[in-house]
């Protein structure tokens, strides 16, 4: 059985990403991105070595109806996400499913800040119940 221990990836002195294997999909991981001491902008690039076949993101702290501008892209070597929330004050959750039969956690090689350059913004509505 492959190990399920989380992998911690530093992003900056204040930010880190924790990568967990998904419980319900052997080819997927869930990343929790969290600021330690102060808020940070919500814009990240996840570097990967395996093709991504599906993805999702969520900001669990948002309740009710929200209009958000987002830019997200799946690239040959990763996933990029920018959300127009001014600051990350709660965890951001990203889920990635890979085209692989090995441990999907090894497909994630790093997480870094992204300036949103080259992304295609779109307006979405997000509704989450309390």
N, C-alpha and C. Protein backbone atom coordinates (compact mmCIF):
# COMPACT_ATOMS: atom_id res chain seq x y z
N UNK A 1 0.85 -1.19 0.00
CA UNK A 1 0.00 0.00 0.00
C UNK A 1 0.89 1.25 0.00
N UNK A 2 0.55 2.21 -0.81
CA UNK A 2 1.33 3.44 -0.92
C UNK A 2 1.07 4.35 0.26
N UNK A 3 2.08 5.12 0.69
CA UNK A 3 1.89 6.00 1.85
C UNK A 3 0.85 7.07 1.59
N UNK A 4 0.14 7.46 2.65
CA UNK A 4 -0.89 8.49 2.56
C UNK A 4 -0.53 9.72 3.37
N UNK A 5 0.68 9.80 3.91
CA UNK A 5 1.08 10.96 4.70
C UNK A 5 1.02 12.21 3.84
N UNK A 6 0.54 13.32 4.39
CA UNK A 6 0.49 14.56 3.61
C UNK A 6 1.89 15.06 3.28
N UNK A 7 1.98 15.77 2.17
CA UNK A 7 3.22 16.40 1.74
C UNK A 7 3.05 17.90 1.94
N UNK A 8 4.00 18.53 2.60
CA UNK A 8 3.93 19.97 2.84
C UNK A 8 4.87 20.67 1.87
N UNK A 9 4.33 21.60 1.10
CA UNK A 9 5.11 22.35 0.12
C UNK A 9 5.11 23.82 0.51
N UNK A 10 6.28 24.40 0.80
CA UNK A 10 6.32 25.84 1.10
C UNK A 10 6.09 26.65 -0.17
N UNK A 11 5.36 27.76 -0.02
CA UNK A 11 5.12 28.68 -1.13
C UNK A 11 5.90 29.97 -0.87
N UNK A 12 5.77 30.47 0.34
CA UNK A 12 6.50 31.66 0.78
C UNK A 12 6.73 31.50 2.28
N UNK A 13 7.32 32.51 2.91
CA UNK A 13 7.51 32.43 4.36
C UNK A 13 6.17 32.31 5.08
N UNK A 14 5.13 32.86 4.48
CA UNK A 14 3.82 32.89 5.13
C UNK A 14 2.87 31.80 4.64
N UNK A 15 3.08 31.29 3.45
CA UNK A 15 2.13 30.36 2.83
C UNK A 15 2.70 28.96 2.71
N UNK A 16 1.80 27.99 2.84
CA UNK A 16 2.19 26.62 2.57
C UNK A 16 1.00 25.89 1.95
N UNK A 17 1.32 24.84 1.23
CA UNK A 17 0.31 23.96 0.66
C UNK A 17 0.51 22.59 1.27
N UNK A 18 -0.58 21.96 1.67
CA UNK A 18 -0.53 20.60 2.18
C UNK A 18 -1.25 19.73 1.16
N UNK A 19 -0.55 18.72 0.64
CA UNK A 19 -1.09 17.84 -0.39
C UNK A 19 -1.48 16.52 0.25
N UNK A 20 -2.75 16.14 0.09
CA UNK A 20 -3.28 14.87 0.60
C UNK A 20 -3.77 14.05 -0.58
N UNK A 21 -3.62 12.75 -0.51
CA UNK A 21 -4.28 11.89 -1.49
C UNK A 21 -5.77 11.91 -1.19
N UNK A 22 -6.57 11.94 -2.22
CA UNK A 22 -8.03 11.94 -2.05
C UNK A 22 -8.48 10.57 -1.52
N UNK A 23 -9.43 10.60 -0.61
CA UNK A 23 -9.94 9.35 -0.04
C UNK A 23 -10.82 8.58 -1.02
N UNK A 24 -11.48 9.29 -1.92
CA UNK A 24 -12.48 8.67 -2.78
C UNK A 24 -12.04 8.46 -4.22
N UNK A 25 -10.77 8.79 -4.55
CA UNK A 25 -10.30 8.64 -5.92
C UNK A 25 -8.79 8.37 -5.88
N UNK A 26 -8.38 7.19 -6.29
CA UNK A 26 -6.97 6.80 -6.17
C UNK A 26 -6.05 7.58 -7.10
N UNK A 27 -6.62 8.36 -8.04
CA UNK A 27 -5.79 9.14 -8.97
C UNK A 27 -5.85 10.64 -8.67
N UNK A 28 -6.34 11.01 -7.49
CA UNK A 28 -6.55 12.43 -7.20
C UNK A 28 -5.87 12.86 -5.90
N UNK A 29 -5.58 14.16 -5.85
CA UNK A 29 -5.05 14.79 -4.64
C UNK A 29 -5.91 16.00 -4.29
N UNK A 30 -5.85 16.38 -3.03
CA UNK A 30 -6.51 17.59 -2.55
C UNK A 30 -5.42 18.45 -1.91
N UNK A 31 -5.33 19.71 -2.33
CA UNK A 31 -4.37 20.65 -1.77
C UNK A 31 -5.12 21.65 -0.90
N UNK A 32 -4.59 21.90 0.29
CA UNK A 32 -5.11 22.95 1.17
C UNK A 32 -4.02 24.01 1.22
N UNK A 33 -4.33 25.22 0.78
CA UNK A 33 -3.38 26.32 0.81
C UNK A 33 -3.81 27.27 1.91
N UNK A 34 -2.88 27.57 2.81
CA UNK A 34 -3.22 28.36 3.99
C UNK A 34 -2.10 29.34 4.32
N UNK A 35 -2.51 30.54 4.73
CA UNK A 35 -1.57 31.54 5.24
C UNK A 35 -1.39 31.31 6.73
N UNK A 36 -0.14 31.48 7.23
CA UNK A 36 0.13 31.27 8.65
C UNK A 36 -0.20 32.52 9.48
N UNK A 37 0.39 33.66 9.14
CA UNK A 37 0.31 34.84 10.00
C UNK A 37 -0.49 35.99 9.41
N UNK A 38 -0.46 36.14 8.12
CA UNK A 38 -1.14 37.28 7.50
C UNK A 38 -1.81 36.82 6.22
N UNK A 39 -2.73 37.63 5.76
CA UNK A 39 -3.48 37.29 4.56
C UNK A 39 -2.60 37.45 3.32
N UNK A 40 -2.92 36.69 2.28
CA UNK A 40 -2.19 36.73 1.02
C UNK A 40 -3.18 36.74 -0.14
N UNK A 41 -2.79 37.31 -1.29
CA UNK A 41 -3.66 37.26 -2.47
C UNK A 41 -3.94 35.82 -2.90
N UNK A 42 -5.07 35.61 -3.57
CA UNK A 42 -5.46 34.27 -4.01
C UNK A 42 -5.09 34.10 -5.48
N UNK A 43 -3.87 33.63 -5.72
CA UNK A 43 -3.39 33.38 -7.08
C UNK A 43 -2.22 32.42 -7.01
N UNK A 44 -2.43 31.21 -7.53
CA UNK A 44 -1.43 30.16 -7.38
C UNK A 44 -1.24 29.37 -8.66
N UNK A 45 -0.04 28.81 -8.78
CA UNK A 45 0.29 27.90 -9.86
C UNK A 45 0.78 26.61 -9.23
N UNK A 46 0.13 25.50 -9.58
CA UNK A 46 0.52 24.18 -9.10
C UNK A 46 1.30 23.51 -10.23
N UNK A 47 2.56 23.18 -9.97
CA UNK A 47 3.39 22.50 -10.97
C UNK A 47 3.19 21.00 -10.84
N UNK A 48 3.01 20.33 -11.99
CA UNK A 48 2.75 18.90 -11.99
C UNK A 48 3.58 18.20 -13.06
N UNK A 49 3.71 16.89 -12.90
CA UNK A 49 4.43 16.08 -13.89
C UNK A 49 3.50 15.14 -14.65
N UNK A 50 2.24 15.04 -14.25
CA UNK A 50 1.27 14.15 -14.88
C UNK A 50 0.14 14.98 -15.48
N UNK A 51 -0.46 14.53 -16.58
CA UNK A 51 -1.60 15.25 -17.16
C UNK A 51 -2.78 15.30 -16.18
N UNK A 52 -3.43 16.45 -16.11
CA UNK A 52 -4.61 16.65 -15.26
C UNK A 52 -5.85 16.34 -16.08
N UNK A 53 -6.73 15.47 -15.54
CA UNK A 53 -7.94 15.13 -16.28
C UNK A 53 -9.19 15.77 -15.70
N UNK A 54 -9.14 16.21 -14.43
CA UNK A 54 -10.25 16.99 -13.87
C UNK A 54 -9.72 17.79 -12.69
N UNK A 55 -10.48 18.84 -12.34
CA UNK A 55 -10.03 19.72 -11.27
C UNK A 55 -11.22 20.46 -10.67
N UNK A 56 -11.03 20.95 -9.43
CA UNK A 56 -12.01 21.82 -8.80
C UNK A 56 -11.27 22.70 -7.80
N UNK A 57 -11.94 23.73 -7.35
CA UNK A 57 -11.42 24.57 -6.27
C UNK A 57 -12.60 25.06 -5.46
N UNK A 58 -12.33 25.42 -4.21
CA UNK A 58 -13.38 26.01 -3.39
C UNK A 58 -12.76 26.84 -2.28
N UNK A 59 -13.50 27.83 -1.86
CA UNK A 59 -13.18 28.65 -0.70
C UNK A 59 -14.28 28.35 0.31
N UNK A 60 -14.07 27.39 1.21
CA UNK A 60 -15.16 26.94 2.10
C UNK A 60 -15.76 28.04 2.96
N UNK A 61 -15.04 29.13 3.20
CA UNK A 61 -15.56 30.18 4.07
C UNK A 61 -16.65 31.02 3.40
N UNK A 62 -16.77 30.97 2.08
CA UNK A 62 -17.80 31.75 1.40
C UNK A 62 -19.17 31.12 1.66
N UNK A 63 -20.12 31.93 2.07
CA UNK A 63 -21.48 31.46 2.32
C UNK A 63 -22.45 32.31 1.53
N UNK A 64 -23.59 31.72 1.20
CA UNK A 64 -24.58 32.45 0.42
C UNK A 64 -24.15 32.58 -1.03
N UNK A 65 -24.74 33.54 -1.74
CA UNK A 65 -24.42 33.76 -3.15
C UNK A 65 -23.25 34.72 -3.29
N UNK A 66 -22.34 34.40 -4.18
CA UNK A 66 -21.17 35.24 -4.42
C UNK A 66 -20.91 35.32 -5.92
N UNK A 67 -20.62 36.53 -6.40
CA UNK A 67 -20.16 36.72 -7.76
C UNK A 67 -18.65 36.86 -7.69
N UNK A 68 -17.95 36.03 -8.42
CA UNK A 68 -16.49 36.05 -8.41
C UNK A 68 -15.95 36.12 -9.82
N UNK A 69 -14.86 36.82 -9.98
CA UNK A 69 -14.10 36.77 -11.22
C UNK A 69 -12.95 35.82 -10.97
N UNK A 70 -12.81 34.82 -11.82
CA UNK A 70 -11.73 33.84 -11.67
C UNK A 70 -11.03 33.66 -13.00
N UNK A 71 -9.80 33.22 -12.92
CA UNK A 71 -9.06 32.77 -14.10
C UNK A 71 -8.42 31.45 -13.69
N UNK A 72 -8.66 30.43 -14.47
CA UNK A 72 -8.02 29.15 -14.18
C UNK A 72 -7.66 28.49 -15.50
N UNK A 73 -6.55 27.83 -15.48
CA UNK A 73 -6.04 27.18 -16.68
C UNK A 73 -5.38 25.87 -16.30
N UNK A 74 -5.63 24.84 -17.11
CA UNK A 74 -4.86 23.61 -17.02
C UNK A 74 -3.82 23.71 -18.13
N UNK A 75 -2.55 23.58 -17.76
CA UNK A 75 -1.46 23.67 -18.72
C UNK A 75 -0.78 22.30 -18.81
N UNK A 76 0.09 22.10 -19.79
CA UNK A 76 0.77 20.79 -19.88
C UNK A 76 1.57 20.43 -18.63
N UNK A 77 1.98 21.44 -17.86
CA UNK A 77 2.79 21.16 -16.68
C UNK A 77 2.19 21.72 -15.39
N UNK A 78 0.85 21.88 -15.36
CA UNK A 78 0.27 22.34 -14.12
C UNK A 78 -1.13 22.91 -14.21
N UNK A 79 -1.49 23.59 -13.14
CA UNK A 79 -2.81 24.18 -12.99
C UNK A 79 -2.62 25.57 -12.39
N UNK A 80 -3.32 26.56 -12.93
CA UNK A 80 -3.22 27.93 -12.44
C UNK A 80 -4.60 28.41 -12.03
N UNK A 81 -4.65 29.16 -10.91
CA UNK A 81 -5.91 29.67 -10.41
C UNK A 81 -5.71 31.05 -9.82
N UNK A 82 -6.57 31.98 -10.23
CA UNK A 82 -6.61 33.34 -9.67
C UNK A 82 -8.08 33.63 -9.35
N UNK A 83 -8.34 34.07 -8.13
CA UNK A 83 -9.70 34.42 -7.71
C UNK A 83 -9.66 35.85 -7.21
N UNK A 84 -10.66 36.66 -7.55
CA UNK A 84 -10.62 38.08 -7.23
C UNK A 84 -10.89 38.39 -5.76
N UNK A 85 -10.81 37.39 -4.89
CA UNK A 85 -10.83 37.67 -3.47
C UNK A 85 -9.57 38.46 -3.14
N UNK A 86 -9.69 39.50 -2.38
CA UNK A 86 -8.52 40.33 -2.09
C UNK A 86 -7.45 39.56 -1.33
N UNK A 87 -7.85 38.75 -0.37
CA UNK A 87 -6.88 38.06 0.45
C UNK A 87 -7.36 36.69 0.86
N UNK A 88 -6.42 35.82 1.05
CA UNK A 88 -6.69 34.47 1.51
C UNK A 88 -6.63 34.48 3.03
N UNK A 89 -7.78 34.46 3.68
CA UNK A 89 -7.80 34.46 5.14
C UNK A 89 -8.32 33.15 5.72
N UNK A 90 -8.66 32.22 4.86
CA UNK A 90 -9.07 30.87 5.23
C UNK A 90 -8.46 29.93 4.19
N UNK A 91 -8.49 28.64 4.42
CA UNK A 91 -7.89 27.73 3.44
C UNK A 91 -8.57 27.81 2.07
N UNK A 92 -7.75 27.68 1.05
CA UNK A 92 -8.21 27.48 -0.32
C UNK A 92 -8.00 26.00 -0.61
N UNK A 93 -9.02 25.35 -1.17
CA UNK A 93 -8.94 23.92 -1.45
C UNK A 93 -8.91 23.73 -2.96
N UNK A 94 -7.94 22.97 -3.44
CA UNK A 94 -7.83 22.63 -4.87
C UNK A 94 -7.80 21.11 -4.97
N UNK A 95 -8.59 20.57 -5.87
CA UNK A 95 -8.57 19.13 -6.15
C UNK A 95 -8.10 18.89 -7.56
N UNK A 96 -7.19 17.94 -7.74
CA UNK A 96 -6.66 17.60 -9.06
C UNK A 96 -6.69 16.09 -9.24
N UNK A 97 -7.25 15.65 -10.36
CA UNK A 97 -7.23 14.24 -10.73
C UNK A 97 -6.26 14.08 -11.89
N UNK A 98 -5.36 13.11 -11.77
CA UNK A 98 -4.32 12.92 -12.77
C UNK A 98 -4.53 11.67 -13.60
N UNK A 99 -3.95 11.69 -14.78
CA UNK A 99 -3.94 10.51 -15.65
C UNK A 99 -2.69 9.71 -15.26
N UNK A 100 -2.83 8.90 -14.21
CA UNK A 100 -1.70 8.12 -13.70
C UNK A 100 -2.22 6.92 -12.95
N UNK A 101 -1.40 5.89 -12.84
CA UNK A 101 -1.74 4.73 -12.03
C UNK A 101 -0.85 4.64 -10.80
N UNK A 102 0.07 5.61 -10.64
CA UNK A 102 0.93 5.61 -9.45
C UNK A 102 0.36 6.57 -8.41
N UNK A 103 1.07 6.75 -7.32
CA UNK A 103 0.65 7.66 -6.25
C UNK A 103 0.51 9.07 -6.83
N UNK A 104 -0.69 9.64 -6.84
CA UNK A 104 -0.88 10.95 -7.47
C UNK A 104 -0.17 12.08 -6.74
N UNK A 105 0.16 11.90 -5.47
CA UNK A 105 0.84 12.96 -4.73
C UNK A 105 2.22 13.27 -5.31
N UNK A 106 2.86 12.28 -5.92
CA UNK A 106 4.18 12.54 -6.50
C UNK A 106 4.08 13.35 -7.80
N UNK A 107 2.88 13.49 -8.35
CA UNK A 107 2.68 14.30 -9.56
C UNK A 107 2.75 15.79 -9.26
N UNK A 108 2.54 16.19 -8.01
CA UNK A 108 2.60 17.60 -7.62
C UNK A 108 4.03 17.91 -7.19
N UNK A 109 4.70 18.78 -7.95
CA UNK A 109 6.11 19.07 -7.66
C UNK A 109 6.32 20.41 -6.98
N UNK A 110 5.30 21.25 -6.95
CA UNK A 110 5.45 22.53 -6.27
C UNK A 110 4.22 23.40 -6.43
N UNK A 111 4.13 24.41 -5.57
CA UNK A 111 3.07 25.41 -5.63
C UNK A 111 3.76 26.76 -5.49
N UNK A 112 3.40 27.70 -6.34
CA UNK A 112 4.01 29.02 -6.28
C UNK A 112 2.95 30.09 -6.48
N UNK A 113 3.31 31.32 -6.14
CA UNK A 113 2.42 32.45 -6.39
C UNK A 113 2.33 32.68 -7.89
N UNK A 114 1.19 33.16 -8.34
CA UNK A 114 0.97 33.44 -9.76
C UNK A 114 0.42 34.84 -9.86
N UNK A 115 0.86 35.60 -10.85
CA UNK A 115 0.39 36.98 -11.01
C UNK A 115 -0.87 37.09 -11.85
N UNK A 116 -1.41 35.98 -12.31
CA UNK A 116 -2.63 35.99 -13.12
C UNK A 116 -2.36 36.27 -14.59
N UNK A 117 -1.12 36.56 -14.93
CA UNK A 117 -0.75 36.87 -16.32
C UNK A 117 -1.04 35.70 -17.24
N UNK A 118 -1.72 35.97 -18.34
CA UNK A 118 -2.02 34.94 -19.31
C UNK A 118 -3.28 34.16 -19.04
N UNK A 119 -3.92 34.41 -17.90
CA UNK A 119 -5.16 33.71 -17.59
C UNK A 119 -6.34 34.34 -18.32
N UNK A 120 -7.40 33.60 -18.46
CA UNK A 120 -8.61 34.08 -19.11
C UNK A 120 -9.70 34.26 -18.07
N UNK A 121 -9.89 35.50 -17.56
CA UNK A 121 -10.89 35.71 -16.51
C UNK A 121 -12.31 35.41 -16.98
N UNK A 122 -13.11 34.87 -16.09
CA UNK A 122 -14.52 34.67 -16.36
C UNK A 122 -15.29 35.00 -15.09
N UNK A 123 -16.54 35.37 -15.24
CA UNK A 123 -17.39 35.72 -14.12
C UNK A 123 -18.24 34.50 -13.78
N UNK A 124 -18.23 34.11 -12.50
CA UNK A 124 -19.02 32.96 -12.08
C UNK A 124 -19.88 33.35 -10.89
N UNK A 125 -20.91 32.58 -10.65
CA UNK A 125 -21.68 32.73 -9.43
C UNK A 125 -21.45 31.48 -8.61
N UNK A 126 -21.25 31.67 -7.33
CA UNK A 126 -20.96 30.59 -6.43
C UNK A 126 -21.97 30.64 -5.30
N UNK A 127 -22.69 29.57 -5.06
CA UNK A 127 -23.69 29.55 -4.01
C UNK A 127 -23.38 28.39 -3.07
N UNK A 128 -23.12 28.72 -1.80
CA UNK A 128 -22.86 27.70 -0.81
C UNK A 128 -23.78 27.93 0.37
N UNK A 129 -24.37 26.88 0.86
CA UNK A 129 -25.29 27.00 1.98
C UNK A 129 -24.52 26.94 3.29
N UNK A 130 -25.03 27.65 4.31
CA UNK A 130 -24.35 27.65 5.62
C UNK A 130 -24.37 26.29 6.28
